[in-house]
Amino acid sequence: MDKEILEILKRLEIKQDETYQIVKALEHSAEVSKAERDKMANDISHIKGNVEGIRKDISNVEIITSSNWNDIAKLKAVK
């Protein structure tokens, strides 16, 4: 009977060790996933900033183009 109890305890300890290893692997996986999400969020922020800069540049080009067309119309009117 004592041997059986000892054997059961050994198996429980093995199962507990296996469970611990699984939990550690899951923790590592969660840390890796978080690091990847943080990197993506950082990349998205940079892309967002770049897009906003491009939008401002395009807006300036539109304004300058409009001004140029206005100047062209005035020059044509002088003829």
PDB file of N, CA and C in Angstrom:
ATOM      1  N   MET A   1       0.821  -1.192   0.000  1.00  0.00           N
ATOM      2  CA  MET A   1       0.000   0.000   0.000  1.00  0.00           C
ATOM      3  C   MET A   1       0.863   1.252   0.000  1.00  0.00           C
ATOM      4  N   ASP A   2       1.914   1.276   0.780  1.00  0.00           N
ATOM      5  CA  ASP A   2       2.819   2.420   0.823  1.00  0.00           C
ATOM      6  C   ASP A   2       3.507   2.629  -0.527  1.00  0.00           C
ATOM      7  N   LYS A   3       3.853   1.511  -1.176  1.00  0.00           N
ATOM      8  CA  LYS A   3       4.485   1.609  -2.491  1.00  0.00           C
ATOM      9  C   LYS A   3       3.530   2.218  -3.502  1.00  0.00           C
ATOM     10  N   GLU A   4       2.276   1.835  -3.416  1.00  0.00           N
ATOM     11  CA  GLU A   4       1.276   2.363  -4.335  1.00  0.00           C
ATOM     12  C   GLU A   4       1.099   3.875  -4.123  1.00  0.00           C
ATOM     13  N   ILE A   5       1.033   4.281  -2.872  1.00  0.00           N
ATOM     14  CA  ILE A   5       0.899   5.705  -2.553  1.00  0.00           C
ATOM     15  C   ILE A   5       2.114   6.470  -3.037  1.00  0.00           C
ATOM     16  N   LEU A   6       3.290   5.908  -2.814  1.00  0.00           N
ATOM     17  CA  LEU A   6       4.531   6.534  -3.261  1.00  0.00           C
ATOM     18  C   LEU A   6       4.556   6.661  -4.782  1.00  0.00           C
ATOM     19  N   GLU A   7       4.108   5.613  -5.449  1.00  0.00           N
ATOM     20  CA  GLU A   7       4.063   5.638  -6.924  1.00  0.00           C
ATOM     21  C   GLU A   7       3.079   6.700  -7.424  1.00  0.00           C
ATOM     22  N   ILE A   8       1.932   6.802  -6.780  1.00  0.00           N
ATOM     23  CA  ILE A   8       0.935   7.811  -7.140  1.00  0.00           C
ATOM     24  C   ILE A   8       1.513   9.205  -6.936  1.00  0.00           C
ATOM     25  N   LEU A   9       2.198   9.411  -5.821  1.00  0.00           N
ATOM     26  CA  LEU A   9       2.822  10.708  -5.547  1.00  0.00           C
ATOM     27  C   LEU A   9       3.886  11.042  -6.579  1.00  0.00           C
ATOM     28  N   LYS A  10       4.652  10.077  -6.993  1.00  0.00           N
ATOM     29  CA  LYS A  10       5.672  10.302  -8.027  1.00  0.00           C
ATOM     30  C   LYS A  10       5.017  10.712  -9.341  1.00  0.00           C
ATOM     31  N   ARG A  11       3.924  10.016  -9.698  1.00  0.00           N
ATOM     32  CA  ARG A  11       3.231  10.357 -10.940  1.00  0.00           C
ATOM     33  C   ARG A  11       2.620  11.758 -10.855  1.00  0.00           C
ATOM     34  N   LEU A  12       2.092  12.097  -9.688  1.00  0.00           N
ATOM     35  CA  LEU A  12       1.545  13.438  -9.502  1.00  0.00           C
ATOM     36  C   LEU A  12       2.634  14.495  -9.635  1.00  0.00           C
ATOM     37  N   GLU A  13       3.785  14.212  -9.101  1.00  0.00           N
ATOM     38  CA  GLU A  13       4.903  15.156  -9.203  1.00  0.00           C
ATOM     39  C   GLU A  13       5.335  15.321 -10.647  1.00  0.00           C
ATOM     40  N   ILE A  14       5.371  14.216 -11.378  1.00  0.00           N
ATOM     41  CA  ILE A  14       5.736  14.274 -12.800  1.00  0.00           C
ATOM     42  C   ILE A  14       4.707  15.116 -13.560  1.00  0.00           C
ATOM     43  N   LYS A  15       3.426  14.879 -13.276  1.00  0.00           N
ATOM     44  CA  LYS A  15       2.365  15.649 -13.936  1.00  0.00           C
ATOM     45  C   LYS A  15       2.488  17.129 -13.583  1.00  0.00           C
ATOM     46  N   GLN A  16       2.812  17.406 -12.326  1.00  0.00           N
ATOM     47  CA  GLN A  16       2.959  18.791 -11.893  1.00  0.00           C
ATOM     48  C   GLN A  16       4.139  19.449 -12.622  1.00  0.00           C
ATOM     49  N   ASP A  17       5.238  18.727 -12.767  1.00  0.00           N
ATOM     50  CA  ASP A  17       6.389  19.248 -13.505  1.00  0.00           C
ATOM     51  C   ASP A  17       6.039  19.509 -14.965  1.00  0.00           C
ATOM     52  N   GLU A  18       5.285  18.581 -15.565  1.00  0.00           N
ATOM     53  CA  GLU A  18       4.864  18.757 -16.954  1.00  0.00           C
ATOM     54  C   GLU A  18       3.974  19.991 -17.094  1.00  0.00           C
ATOM     55  N   THR A  19       3.054  20.130 -16.156  1.00  0.00           N
ATOM     56  CA  THR A  19       2.159  21.290 -16.168  1.00  0.00           C
ATOM     57  C   THR A  19       2.962  22.580 -16.020  1.00  0.00           C
ATOM     58  N   TYR A  20       3.951  22.570 -15.138  1.00  0.00           N
ATOM     59  CA  TYR A  20       4.805  23.741 -14.936  1.00  0.00           C
ATOM     60  C   TYR A  20       5.537  24.092 -16.233  1.00  0.00           C
ATOM     61  N   GLN A  21       6.070  23.101 -16.919  1.00  0.00           N
ATOM     62  CA  GLN A  21       6.784  23.343 -18.172  1.00  0.00           C
ATOM     63  C   GLN A  21       5.844  23.917 -19.240  1.00  0.00           C
ATOM     64  N   ILE A  22       4.621  23.411 -19.273  1.00  0.00           N
ATOM     65  CA  ILE A  22       3.640  23.927 -20.232  1.00  0.00           C
ATOM     66  C   ILE A  22       3.318  25.384 -19.921  1.00  0.00           C
ATOM     67  N   VAL A  23       3.119  25.690 -18.648  1.00  0.00           N
ATOM     68  CA  VAL A  23       2.814  27.063 -18.249  1.00  0.00           C
ATOM     69  C   VAL A  23       3.974  27.985 -18.612  1.00  0.00           C
ATOM     70  N   LYS A  24       5.198  27.550 -18.367  1.00  0.00           N
ATOM     71  CA  LYS A  24       6.368  28.367 -18.712  1.00  0.00           C
ATOM     72  C   LYS A  24       6.431  28.600 -20.220  1.00  0.00           C
ATOM     73  N   ALA A  25       6.137  27.566 -21.012  1.00  0.00           N
ATOM     74  CA  ALA A  25       6.145  27.716 -22.469  1.00  0.00           C
ATOM     75  C   ALA A  25       5.059  28.698 -22.908  1.00  0.00           C
ATOM     76  N   LEU A  26       3.889  28.625 -22.283  1.00  0.00           N
ATOM     77  CA  LEU A  26       2.802  29.550 -22.614  1.00  0.00           C
ATOM     78  C   LEU A  26       3.158  30.983 -22.222  1.00  0.00           C
ATOM     79  N   GLU A  27       3.817  31.156 -21.088  1.00  0.00           N
ATOM     80  CA  GLU A  27       4.253  32.489 -20.674  1.00  0.00           C
ATOM     81  C   GLU A  27       5.239  33.065 -21.682  1.00  0.00           C
ATOM     82  N   HIS A  28       6.167  32.237 -22.131  1.00  0.00           N
ATOM     83  CA  HIS A  28       7.155  32.696 -23.114  1.00  0.00           C
ATOM     84  C   HIS A  28       6.456  33.092 -24.417  1.00  0.00           C
ATOM     85  N   SER A  29       5.527  32.239 -24.833  1.00  0.00           N
ATOM     86  CA  SER A  29       4.788  32.532 -26.066  1.00  0.00           C
ATOM     87  C   SER A  29       4.012  33.847 -25.940  1.00  0.00           C
ATOM     88  N   ALA A  30       3.408  34.085 -24.778  1.00  0.00           N
ATOM     89  CA  ALA A  30       2.668  35.318 -24.550  1.00  0.00           C
ATOM     90  C   ALA A  30       3.605  36.527 -24.588  1.00  0.00           C
ATOM     91  N   GLU A  31       4.797  36.387 -24.028  1.00  0.00           N
ATOM     92  CA  GLU A  31       5.771  37.487 -24.045  1.00  0.00           C
ATOM     93  C   GLU A  31       6.219  37.796 -25.472  1.00  0.00           C
ATOM     94  N   VAL A  32       6.454  36.750 -26.252  1.00  0.00           N
ATOM     95  CA  VAL A  32       6.854  36.939 -27.649  1.00  0.00           C
ATOM     96  C   VAL A  32       5.736  37.628 -28.428  1.00  0.00           C
ATOM     97  N   SER A  33       4.501  37.171 -28.212  1.00  0.00           N
ATOM     98  CA  SER A  33       3.361  37.776 -28.900  1.00  0.00           C
ATOM     99  C   SER A  33       3.207  39.248 -28.529  1.00  0.00           C
ATOM    100  N   LYS A  34       3.389  39.564 -27.255  1.00  0.00           N
ATOM    101  CA  LYS A  34       3.277  40.947 -26.809  1.00  0.00           C
ATOM    102  C   LYS A  34       4.360  41.805 -27.460  1.00  0.00           C
ATOM    103  N   ALA A  35       5.574  41.281 -27.522  1.00  0.00           N
ATOM    104  CA  ALA A  35       6.663  42.038 -28.153  1.00  0.00           C
ATOM    105  C   ALA A  35       6.355  42.290 -29.627  1.00  0.00           C
ATOM    106  N   GLU A  36       5.798  41.287 -30.293  1.00  0.00           N
ATOM    107  CA  GLU A  36       5.448  41.448 -31.706  1.00  0.00           C
ATOM    108  C   GLU A  36       4.329  42.474 -31.876  1.00  0.00           C
ATOM    109  N   ARG A  37       3.322  42.440 -30.986  1.00  0.00           N
ATOM    110  CA  ARG A  37       2.233  43.429 -31.053  1.00  0.00           C
ATOM    111  C   ARG A  37       2.761  44.832 -30.786  1.00  0.00           C
ATOM    112  N   ASP A  38       3.657  44.951 -29.815  1.00  0.00           N
ATOM    113  CA  ASP A  38       4.239  46.268 -29.511  1.00  0.00           C
ATOM    114  C   ASP A  38       5.013  46.805 -30.714  1.00  0.00           C
ATOM    115  N   LYS A  39       5.759  45.927 -31.384  1.00  0.00           N
ATOM    116  CA  LYS A  39       6.518  46.353 -32.567  1.00  0.00           C
ATOM    117  C   LYS A  39       5.566  46.786 -33.681  1.00  0.00           C
ATOM    118  N   MET A  40       4.503  46.012 -33.883  1.00  0.00           N
ATOM    119  CA  MET A  40       3.535  46.382 -34.915  1.00  0.00           C
ATOM    120  C   MET A  40       2.868  47.720 -34.592  1.00  0.00           C
ATOM    121  N   ALA A  41       2.521  47.926 -33.318  1.00  0.00           N
ATOM    122  CA  ALA A  41       1.902  49.190 -32.926  1.00  0.00           C
ATOM    123  C   ALA A  41       2.860  50.352 -33.183  1.00  0.00           C
ATOM    124  N   ASN A  42       4.132  50.142 -32.900  1.00  0.00           N
ATOM    125  CA  ASN A  42       5.144  51.173 -33.151  1.00  0.00           C
ATOM    126  C   ASN A  42       5.276  51.439 -34.653  1.00  0.00           C
ATOM    127  N   ASP A  43       5.324  50.374 -35.433  1.00  0.00           N
ATOM    128  CA  ASP A  43       5.413  50.518 -36.893  1.00  0.00           C
ATOM    129  C   ASP A  43       4.187  51.263 -37.434  1.00  0.00           C
ATOM    130  N   ILE A  44       3.004  50.921 -36.922  1.00  0.00           N
ATOM    131  CA  ILE A  44       1.773  51.572 -37.376  1.00  0.00           C
ATOM    132  C   ILE A  44       1.811  53.058 -37.046  1.00  0.00           C
ATOM    133  N   SER A  45       2.323  53.397 -35.864  1.00  0.00           N
ATOM    134  CA  SER A  45       2.422  54.811 -35.492  1.00  0.00           C
ATOM    135  C   SER A  45       3.325  55.570 -36.456  1.00  0.00           C
ATOM    136  N   HIS A  46       4.451  54.947 -36.829  1.00  0.00           N
ATOM    137  CA  HIS A  46       5.363  55.593 -37.782  1.00  0.00           C
ATOM    138  C   HIS A  46       4.693  55.742 -39.149  1.00  0.00           C
ATOM    139  N   ILE A  47       4.008  54.705 -39.584  1.00  0.00           N
ATOM    140  CA  ILE A  47       3.319  54.764 -40.882  1.00  0.00           C
ATOM    141  C   ILE A  47       2.249  55.850 -40.848  1.00  0.00           C
ATOM    142  N   LYS A  48       1.514  55.918 -39.741  1.00  0.00           N
ATOM    143  CA  LYS A  48       0.475  56.947 -39.602  1.00  0.00           C
ATOM    144  C   LYS A  48       1.088  58.340 -39.720  1.00  0.00           C
ATOM    145  N   GLY A  49       2.219  58.545 -39.052  1.00  0.00           N
ATOM    146  CA  GLY A  49       2.900  59.842 -39.141  1.00  0.00           C
ATOM    147  C   GLY A  49       3.333  60.150 -40.561  1.00  0.00           C
ATOM    148  N   ASN A  50       3.858  59.140 -41.252  1.00  0.00           N
ATOM    149  CA  ASN A  50       4.288  59.340 -42.637  1.00  0.00           C
ATOM    150  C   ASN A  50       3.106  59.676 -43.544  1.00  0.00           C
ATOM    151  N   VAL A  51       1.998  58.987 -43.358  1.00  0.00           N
ATOM    152  CA  VAL A  51       0.810  59.241 -44.178  1.00  0.00           C
ATOM    153  C   VAL A  51       0.292  60.657 -43.937  1.00  0.00           C
ATOM    154  N   GLU A  52       0.275  61.070 -42.663  1.00  0.00           N
ATOM    155  CA  GLU A  52      -0.179  62.439 -42.367  1.00  0.00           C
ATOM    156  C   GLU A  52       0.737  63.470 -43.020  1.00  0.00           C
ATOM    157  N   GLY A  53       2.031  63.198 -43.020  1.00  0.00           N
ATOM    158  CA  GLY A  53       2.974  64.097 -43.697  1.00  0.00           C
ATOM    159  C   GLY A  53       2.731  64.145 -45.184  1.00  0.00           C
ATOM    160  N   ILE A  54       2.463  63.000 -45.785  1.00  0.00           N
ATOM    161  CA  ILE A  54       2.186  62.939 -47.229  1.00  0.00           C
ATOM    162  C   ILE A  54       0.903  63.706 -47.547  1.00  0.00           C
ATOM    163  N   ARG A  55      -0.105  63.556 -46.685  1.00  0.00           N
ATOM    164  CA  ARG A  55      -1.360  64.291 -46.914  1.00  0.00           C
ATOM    165  C   ARG A  55      -1.127  65.800 -46.901  1.00  0.00           C
ATOM    166  N   LYS A  56      -0.307  66.265 -45.959  1.00  0.00           N
ATOM    167  CA  LYS A  56       0.003  67.694 -45.901  1.00  0.00           C
ATOM    168  C   LYS A  56       0.747  68.125 -47.155  1.00  0.00           C
ATOM    169  N   ASP A  57       1.700  67.303 -47.597  1.00  0.00           N
ATOM    170  CA  ASP A  57       2.443  67.626 -48.811  1.00  0.00           C
ATOM    171  C   ASP A  57       1.519  67.700 -50.021  1.00  0.00           C
ATOM    172  N   ILE A  58       0.609  66.753 -50.146  1.00  0.00           N
ATOM    173  CA  ILE A  58      -0.331  66.748 -51.273  1.00  0.00           C
ATOM    174  C   ILE A  58      -1.230  67.982 -51.214  1.00  0.00           C
ATOM    175  N   SER A  59      -1.656  68.323 -50.018  1.00  0.00           N
ATOM    176  CA  SER A  59      -2.481  69.527 -49.862  1.00  0.00           C
ATOM    177  C   SER A  59      -1.712  70.763 -50.320  1.00  0.00           C
ATOM    178  N   ASN A  60      -0.441  70.856 -49.940  1.00  0.00           N
ATOM    179  CA  ASN A  60       0.391  71.991 -50.385  1.00  0.00           C
ATOM    180  C   ASN A  60       0.554  72.004 -51.891  1.00  0.00           C
ATOM    181  N   VAL A  61       0.745  70.826 -52.486  1.00  0.00           N
ATOM    182  CA  VAL A  61       0.881  70.737 -53.946  1.00  0.00           C
ATOM    183  C   VAL A  61      -0.408  71.223 -54.609  1.00  0.00           C
ATOM    184  N   GLU A  62      -1.562  70.840 -54.052  1.00  0.00           N
ATOM    185  CA  GLU A  62      -2.838  71.284 -54.614  1.00  0.00           C
ATOM    186  C   GLU A  62      -2.968  72.804 -54.541  1.00  0.00           C
ATOM    187  N   ILE A  63      -2.585  73.370 -53.410  1.00  0.00           N
ATOM    188  CA  ILE A  63      -2.673  74.829 -53.244  1.00  0.00           C
ATOM    189  C   ILE A  63      -1.737  75.538 -54.220  1.00  0.00           C
ATOM    190  N   ILE A  64      -0.511  75.053 -54.328  1.00  0.00           N
ATOM    191  CA  ILE A  64       0.469  75.663 -55.240  1.00  0.00           C
ATOM    192  C   ILE A  64       0.021  75.502 -56.688  1.00  0.00           C
ATOM    193  N   THR A  65      -0.509  74.332 -57.025  1.00  0.00           N
ATOM    194  CA  THR A  65      -1.000  74.100 -58.391  1.00  0.00           C
ATOM    195  C   THR A  65      -2.133  75.054 -58.720  1.00  0.00           C
ATOM    196  N   SER A  66      -3.029  75.232 -57.767  1.00  0.00           N
ATOM    197  CA  SER A  66      -4.143  76.173 -57.971  1.00  0.00           C
ATOM    198  C   SER A  66      -3.619  77.586 -58.208  1.00  0.00           C
ATOM    199  N   SER A  67      -2.632  77.975 -57.414  1.00  0.00           N
ATOM    200  CA  SER A  67      -2.033  79.300 -57.582  1.00  0.00           C
ATOM    201  C   SER A  67      -1.381  79.425 -58.951  1.00  0.00           C
ATOM    202  N   ASN A  68      -0.689  78.379 -59.380  1.00  0.00           N
ATOM    203  CA  ASN A  68      -0.046  78.394 -60.698  1.00  0.00           C
ATOM    204  C   ASN A  68      -1.077  78.519 -61.815  1.00  0.00           C
ATOM    205  N   TRP A  69      -2.178  77.785 -61.705  1.00  0.00           N
ATOM    206  CA  TRP A  69      -3.233  77.871 -62.715  1.00  0.00           C
ATOM    207  C   TRP A  69      -3.809  79.289 -62.756  1.00  0.00           C
ATOM    208  N   ASN A  70      -3.931  79.891 -61.592  1.00  0.00           N
ATOM    209  CA  ASN A  70      -4.424  81.270 -61.523  1.00  0.00           C
ATOM    210  C   ASN A  70      -3.463  82.211 -62.257  1.00  0.00           C
ATOM    211  N   ASP A  71      -2.169  82.022 -62.010  1.00  0.00           N
ATOM    212  CA  ASP A  71      -1.159  82.847 -62.687  1.00  0.00           C
ATOM    213  C   ASP A  71      -1.191  82.613 -64.196  1.00  0.00           C
ATOM    214  N   ILE A  72      -1.366  81.372 -64.608  1.00  0.00           N
ATOM    215  CA  ILE A  72      -1.428  81.052 -66.038  1.00  0.00           C
ATOM    216  C   ILE A  72      -2.635  81.742 -66.676  1.00  0.00           C
ATOM    217  N   ALA A  73      -3.749  81.709 -65.972  1.00  0.00           N
ATOM    218  CA  ALA A  73      -4.972  82.355 -66.503  1.00  0.00           C
ATOM    219  C   ALA A  73      -4.747  83.843 -66.656  1.00  0.00           C
ATOM    220  N   LYS A  74      -4.058  84.482 -65.704  1.00  0.00           N
ATOM    221  CA  LYS A  74      -3.769  85.916 -65.786  1.00  0.00           C
ATOM    222  C   LYS A  74      -2.848  86.204 -66.959  1.00  0.00           C
ATOM    223  N   LEU A  75      -1.833  85.352 -67.171  1.00  0.00           N
ATOM    224  CA  LEU A  75      -0.914  85.552 -68.291  1.00  0.00           C
ATOM    225  C   LEU A  75      -1.635  85.403 -69.617  1.00  0.00           C
ATOM    226  N   LYS A  76      -2.514  84.458 -69.720  1.00  0.00           N
ATOM    227  CA  LYS A  76      -3.274  84.258 -70.951  1.00  0.00           C
ATOM    228  C   LYS A  76      -4.175  85.472 -71.221  1.00  0.00           C
ATOM    229  N   ALA A  77      -4.690  86.063 -70.156  1.00  0.00           N
ATOM    230  CA  ALA A  77      -5.588  87.210 -70.307  1.00  0.00           C
ATOM    231  C   ALA A  77      -4.858  88.430 -70.823  1.00  0.00           C
ATOM    232  N   VAL A  78      -3.544  88.512 -70.577  1.00  0.00           N
ATOM    233  CA  VAL A  78      -2.743  89.677 -70.996  1.00  0.00           C
ATOM    234  C   VAL A  78      -2.591  89.665 -72.511  1.00  0.00           C
ATOM    235  N   LYS A  79      -2.582  88.567 -73.158  1.00  0.00           N
ATOM    236  CA  LYS A  79      -2.374  88.468 -74.607  1.00  0.00           C
ATOM    237  C   LYS A  79      -3.266  89.405 -75.261  1.00  0.00           C
TER     238      LYS A  79
END
